[in-house]
Amino acid sequence: MNVSHVLTSSKPRLILLSLLALSGVAIISFAIGADASAQTSGGISVGGSGSAGAGSGSTEGDAAANGYARIWTGIPSREKRWARSTSQCESGGDPDAIGGGGSYRGAFQFLRSTWKASPKSPGGDPIDFDYRTQAVVAVLLKQRDGANHWPVCG
């Protein structure tokens, strides 16, 4: 797959993405919406068991980022290995990768239409989201449809 941007070192990027996830990314909160905590897929829920109150110290961004973090922790190790392997093959693991003249986007080289129709997709453009969010969507899509969305790498 032709990829226009691949980082040579993933360690600084991983640290940055971890910090962004911990600080809560507002765009994820906006894209997912308030009802994300009530949705489930494959027995894994998104969001918390309650909503953050005004004085709780939590923000909607934290809740959204934590929702994907909670889903990721519930994904079996075998699926996490599949995600790492597939994203490495597709894009070098780069969540900002763009290939196919702009048609394929993110670490898993999603078509925008596939991304939007995938389980737990926050919508928008995959490259606007971190690796973990993309990986959660990819794994849940694979669980629903099989690996045929990645005919070479999946």
C-alpha atoms as a PDB file:
ATOM      1  CA  MET A   1       0.000   0.000   0.000  1.00  0.00           C
ATOM      2  CA  ASN A   2       1.363   3.441  -0.888  1.00  0.00           C
ATOM      3  CA  VAL A   3       1.676   5.535   2.268  1.00  0.00           C
ATOM      4  CA  SER A   4       2.759   9.160   2.126  1.00  0.00           C
ATOM      5  CA  HIS A   5       3.832   9.587   5.737  1.00  0.00           C
ATOM      6  CA  VAL A   6       5.469   7.017   7.996  1.00  0.00           C
ATOM      7  CA  LEU A   7       7.384   7.933  11.147  1.00  0.00           C
ATOM      8  CA  THR A   8      10.793   6.387  11.562  1.00  0.00           C
ATOM      9  CA  SER A   9      10.462   6.106  15.329  1.00  0.00           C
ATOM     10  CA  SER A  10       7.209   5.293  17.078  1.00  0.00           C
ATOM     11  CA  LYS A  11       8.444   5.798  20.671  1.00  0.00           C
ATOM     12  CA  PRO A  12       8.135   9.645  20.773  1.00  0.00           C
ATOM     13  CA  ARG A  13       4.783   9.392  18.994  1.00  0.00           C
ATOM     14  CA  LEU A  14       3.534   6.783  21.472  1.00  0.00           C
ATOM     15  CA  ILE A  15       4.502   9.028  24.396  1.00  0.00           C
ATOM     16  CA  LEU A  16       2.753  12.008  22.810  1.00  0.00           C
ATOM     17  CA  LEU A  17      -0.368   9.979  22.066  1.00  0.00           C
ATOM     18  CA  SER A  18      -0.415   8.636  25.615  1.00  0.00           C
ATOM     19  CA  LEU A  19      -0.203  12.167  27.001  1.00  0.00           C
ATOM     20  CA  LEU A  20      -3.005  13.322  24.717  1.00  0.00           C
ATOM     21  CA  ALA A  21      -5.167  10.400  25.795  1.00  0.00           C
ATOM     22  CA  LEU A  22      -4.534  11.138  29.453  1.00  0.00           C
ATOM     23  CA  SER A  23      -5.357  14.821  29.086  1.00  0.00           C
ATOM     24  CA  GLY A  24      -8.603  14.051  27.274  1.00  0.00           C
ATOM     25  CA  VAL A  25      -8.990  15.070  23.660  1.00  0.00           C
ATOM     26  CA  ALA A  26     -11.995  17.333  23.206  1.00  0.00           C
ATOM     27  CA  ILE A  27     -12.612  16.266  19.625  1.00  0.00           C
ATOM     28  CA  ILE A  28     -13.178  12.666  20.710  1.00  0.00           C
ATOM     29  CA  SER A  29     -15.720  13.816  23.249  1.00  0.00           C
ATOM     30  CA  PHE A  30     -17.531  15.905  20.684  1.00  0.00           C
ATOM     31  CA  ALA A  31     -17.529  13.154  18.058  1.00  0.00           C
ATOM     32  CA  ILE A  32     -18.667  10.367  20.361  1.00  0.00           C
ATOM     33  CA  GLY A  33     -21.381  12.337  22.126  1.00  0.00           C
ATOM     34  CA  ALA A  34     -22.920  11.956  25.514  1.00  0.00           C
ATOM     35  CA  ASP A  35     -24.691   8.685  24.818  1.00  0.00           C
ATOM     36  CA  ALA A  36     -21.511   6.721  24.044  1.00  0.00           C
ATOM     37  CA  SER A  37     -21.388   5.372  27.580  1.00  0.00           C
ATOM     38  CA  ALA A  38     -24.664   3.546  27.035  1.00  0.00           C
ATOM     39  CA  GLN A  39     -23.522   1.730  23.889  1.00  0.00           C
ATOM     40  CA  THR A  40     -21.897  -1.690  23.856  1.00  0.00           C
ATOM     41  CA  SER A  41     -20.259  -3.930  21.295  1.00  0.00           C
ATOM     42  CA  GLY A  42     -19.361  -7.539  21.861  1.00  0.00           C
ATOM     43  CA  GLY A  43     -19.988  -7.216  25.583  1.00  0.00           C
ATOM     44  CA  ILE A  44     -17.496  -4.350  25.948  1.00  0.00           C
ATOM     45  CA  SER A  45     -18.996  -1.027  26.945  1.00  0.00           C
ATOM     46  CA  VAL A  46     -17.856   2.451  25.970  1.00  0.00           C
ATOM     47  CA  GLY A  47     -17.726   5.118  28.639  1.00  0.00           C
ATOM     48  CA  GLY A  48     -18.247   4.897  32.338  1.00  0.00           C
ATOM     49  CA  SER A  49     -21.028   3.654  34.526  1.00  0.00           C
ATOM     50  CA  GLY A  50     -22.156   7.172  35.310  1.00  0.00           C
ATOM     51  CA  SER A  51     -21.774  10.710  34.094  1.00  0.00           C
ATOM     52  CA  ALA A  52     -19.258  13.173  35.426  1.00  0.00           C
ATOM     53  CA  GLY A  53     -20.755  15.757  37.693  1.00  0.00           C
ATOM     54  CA  ALA A  54     -19.803  19.429  37.684  1.00  0.00           C
ATOM     55  CA  GLY A  55     -17.492  19.054  40.652  1.00  0.00           C
ATOM     56  CA  SER A  56     -16.072  15.635  39.853  1.00  0.00           C
ATOM     57  CA  GLY A  57     -12.887  16.862  38.173  1.00  0.00           C
ATOM     58  CA  SER A  58     -13.636  14.837  35.020  1.00  0.00           C
ATOM     59  CA  THR A  59     -14.358  16.300  31.618  1.00  0.00           C
ATOM     60  CA  GLU A  60     -16.297  14.870  28.703  1.00  0.00           C
ATOM     61  CA  GLY A  61     -12.953  14.529  26.846  1.00  0.00           C
ATOM     62  CA  ASP A  62     -11.553  12.427  29.678  1.00  0.00           C
ATOM     63  CA  ALA A  63     -14.643  10.225  29.637  1.00  0.00           C
ATOM     64  CA  ALA A  64     -14.416   9.680  25.881  1.00  0.00           C
ATOM     65  CA  ALA A  65     -10.691   8.902  25.936  1.00  0.00           C
ATOM     66  CA  ASN A  66     -11.209   6.635  28.923  1.00  0.00           C
ATOM     67  CA  GLY A  67     -14.066   4.905  27.080  1.00  0.00           C
ATOM     68  CA  TYR A  68     -11.721   3.790  24.307  1.00  0.00           C
ATOM     69  CA  ALA A  69      -9.027   2.950  26.890  1.00  0.00           C
ATOM     70  CA  ARG A  70     -11.528   0.722  28.726  1.00  0.00           C
ATOM     71  CA  ILE A  71     -12.538  -1.003  25.503  1.00  0.00           C
ATOM     72  CA  TRP A  72      -8.857  -1.545  24.634  1.00  0.00           C
ATOM     73  CA  THR A  73      -8.138  -3.158  28.010  1.00  0.00           C
ATOM     74  CA  GLY A  74     -11.016  -5.592  27.393  1.00  0.00           C
ATOM     75  CA  ILE A  75      -9.726  -6.668  23.985  1.00  0.00           C
ATOM     76  CA  PRO A  76      -7.926 -10.044  24.047  1.00  0.00           C
ATOM     77  CA  SER A  77      -4.141 -10.075  23.567  1.00  0.00           C
ATOM     78  CA  ARG A  78      -4.529 -12.043  20.332  1.00  0.00           C
ATOM     79  CA  GLU A  79      -6.624  -9.215  18.848  1.00  0.00           C
ATOM     80  CA  LYS A  80      -4.140  -6.583  20.063  1.00  0.00           C
ATOM     81  CA  ARG A  81      -1.338  -8.487  18.316  1.00  0.00           C
ATOM     82  CA  TRP A  82      -3.474  -8.612  15.164  1.00  0.00           C
ATOM     83  CA  ALA A  83      -4.009  -4.841  15.403  1.00  0.00           C
ATOM     84  CA  ARG A  84      -0.283  -4.120  15.806  1.00  0.00           C
ATOM     85  CA  SER A  85       0.652  -6.438  12.952  1.00  0.00           C
ATOM     86  CA  THR A  86      -2.032  -5.166  10.601  1.00  0.00           C
ATOM     87  CA  SER A  87      -1.358  -1.484  11.285  1.00  0.00           C
ATOM     88  CA  GLN A  88       2.386  -2.043  10.813  1.00  0.00           C
ATOM     89  CA  CYS A  89       1.733  -3.700   7.459  1.00  0.00           C
ATOM     90  CA  GLU A  90      -0.789  -1.075   6.314  1.00  0.00           C
ATOM     91  CA  SER A  91       0.949   2.133   7.419  1.00  0.00           C
ATOM     92  CA  GLY A  92       3.970   1.414   9.566  1.00  0.00           C
ATOM     93  CA  GLY A  93       1.596   1.862  12.520  1.00  0.00           C
ATOM     94  CA  ASP A  94       1.156   5.583  11.790  1.00  0.00           C
ATOM     95  CA  PRO A  95      -2.306   6.873  12.785  1.00  0.00           C
ATOM     96  CA  ASP A  96      -1.740   9.937  10.556  1.00  0.00           C
ATOM     97  CA  ALA A  97      -0.870   7.942   7.418  1.00  0.00           C
ATOM     98  CA  ILE A  98      -2.625   8.786   4.170  1.00  0.00           C
ATOM     99  CA  GLY A  99      -2.411   6.479   1.166  1.00  0.00           C
ATOM    100  CA  GLY A 100      -4.079   5.800  -2.143  1.00  0.00           C
ATOM    101  CA  GLY A 101      -4.190   9.462  -3.139  1.00  0.00           C
ATOM    102  CA  GLY A 102      -6.010  10.327   0.092  1.00  0.00           C
ATOM    103  CA  SER A 103      -8.543   7.503  -0.025  1.00  0.00           C
ATOM    104  CA  TYR A 104      -6.931   5.366   2.701  1.00  0.00           C
ATOM    105  CA  ARG A 105      -6.497   6.975   6.093  1.00  0.00           C
ATOM    106  CA  GLY A 106      -4.952   6.214   9.438  1.00  0.00           C
ATOM    107  CA  ALA A 107      -2.965   3.325  10.884  1.00  0.00           C
ATOM    108  CA  PHE A 108      -5.369   0.769   9.386  1.00  0.00           C
ATOM    109  CA  GLN A 109      -5.856   2.632   6.080  1.00  0.00           C
ATOM    110  CA  PHE A 110      -9.624   2.954   6.426  1.00  0.00           C
ATOM    111  CA  LEU A 111     -11.816   4.261   3.659  1.00  0.00           C
ATOM    112  CA  ARG A 112     -13.853   7.074   5.222  1.00  0.00           C
ATOM    113  CA  SER A 113     -17.080   5.200   4.440  1.00  0.00           C
ATOM    114  CA  THR A 114     -15.799   2.061   6.197  1.00  0.00           C
ATOM    115  CA  TRP A 115     -14.603   4.110   9.185  1.00  0.00           C
ATOM    116  CA  LYS A 116     -17.980   5.798   9.593  1.00  0.00           C
ATOM    117  CA  ALA A 117     -19.907   2.503   9.307  1.00  0.00           C
ATOM    118  CA  SER A 118     -17.656   0.626  11.746  1.00  0.00           C
ATOM    119  CA  PRO A 119     -18.597  -0.401  15.297  1.00  0.00           C
ATOM    120  CA  LYS A 120     -17.725   2.299  17.848  1.00  0.00           C
ATOM    121  CA  SER A 121     -16.474   4.690  15.161  1.00  0.00           C
ATOM    122  CA  PRO A 122     -16.481   8.256  16.456  1.00  0.00           C
ATOM    123  CA  GLY A 123     -17.108   9.437  12.871  1.00  0.00           C
ATOM    124  CA  GLY A 124     -15.113  12.140  11.158  1.00  0.00           C
ATOM    125  CA  ASP A 125     -11.699  11.335   9.720  1.00  0.00           C
ATOM    126  CA  PRO A 126      -9.651   8.450  11.172  1.00  0.00           C
ATOM    127  CA  ILE A 127      -6.469  10.560  11.152  1.00  0.00           C
ATOM    128  CA  ASP A 128      -8.088  12.907  13.678  1.00  0.00           C
ATOM    129  CA  PHE A 129      -7.942  10.116  16.271  1.00  0.00           C
ATOM    130  CA  ASP A 130      -5.112   8.384  18.088  1.00  0.00           C
ATOM    131  CA  TYR A 131      -3.856   4.876  17.414  1.00  0.00           C
ATOM    132  CA  ARG A 132      -5.841   3.324  20.270  1.00  0.00           C
ATOM    133  CA  THR A 133      -9.142   4.698  18.999  1.00  0.00           C
ATOM    134  CA  GLN A 134      -8.349   3.502  15.470  1.00  0.00           C
ATOM    135  CA  ALA A 135      -7.289   0.098  16.808  1.00  0.00           C
ATOM    136  CA  VAL A 136     -10.501  -0.327  18.814  1.00  0.00           C
ATOM    137  CA  VAL A 137     -12.579   0.469  15.731  1.00  0.00           C
ATOM    138  CA  ALA A 138     -10.475  -1.879  13.564  1.00  0.00           C
ATOM    139  CA  VAL A 139     -10.661  -4.787  16.011  1.00  0.00           C
ATOM    140  CA  LEU A 140     -14.414  -4.430  16.480  1.00  0.00           C
ATOM    141  CA  LEU A 141     -14.851  -4.183  12.695  1.00  0.00           C
ATOM    142  CA  LYS A 142     -12.765  -7.343  12.265  1.00  0.00           C
ATOM    143  CA  GLN A 143     -14.860  -9.108  14.912  1.00  0.00           C
ATOM    144  CA  ARG A 144     -18.035  -8.104  13.054  1.00  0.00           C
ATOM    145  CA  ASP A 145     -16.957  -8.642   9.409  1.00  0.00           C
ATOM    146  CA  GLY A 146     -13.747 -10.651   9.483  1.00  0.00           C
ATOM    147  CA  ALA A 147     -10.389  -9.468   8.155  1.00  0.00           C
ATOM    148  CA  ASN A 148     -11.558  -8.978   4.560  1.00  0.00           C
ATOM    149  CA  HIS A 149     -11.245  -5.179   4.947  1.00  0.00           C
ATOM    150  CA  TRP A 150      -7.460  -5.793   4.996  1.00  0.00           C
ATOM    151  CA  PRO A 151      -6.984  -8.314   2.161  1.00  0.00           C
ATOM    152  CA  VAL A 152      -3.177  -8.072   2.132  1.00  0.00           C
ATOM    153  CA  CYS A 153      -2.327  -7.285   5.754  1.00  0.00           C
ATOM    154  CA  GLY A 154      -5.245  -8.583   7.818  1.00  0.00           C
END
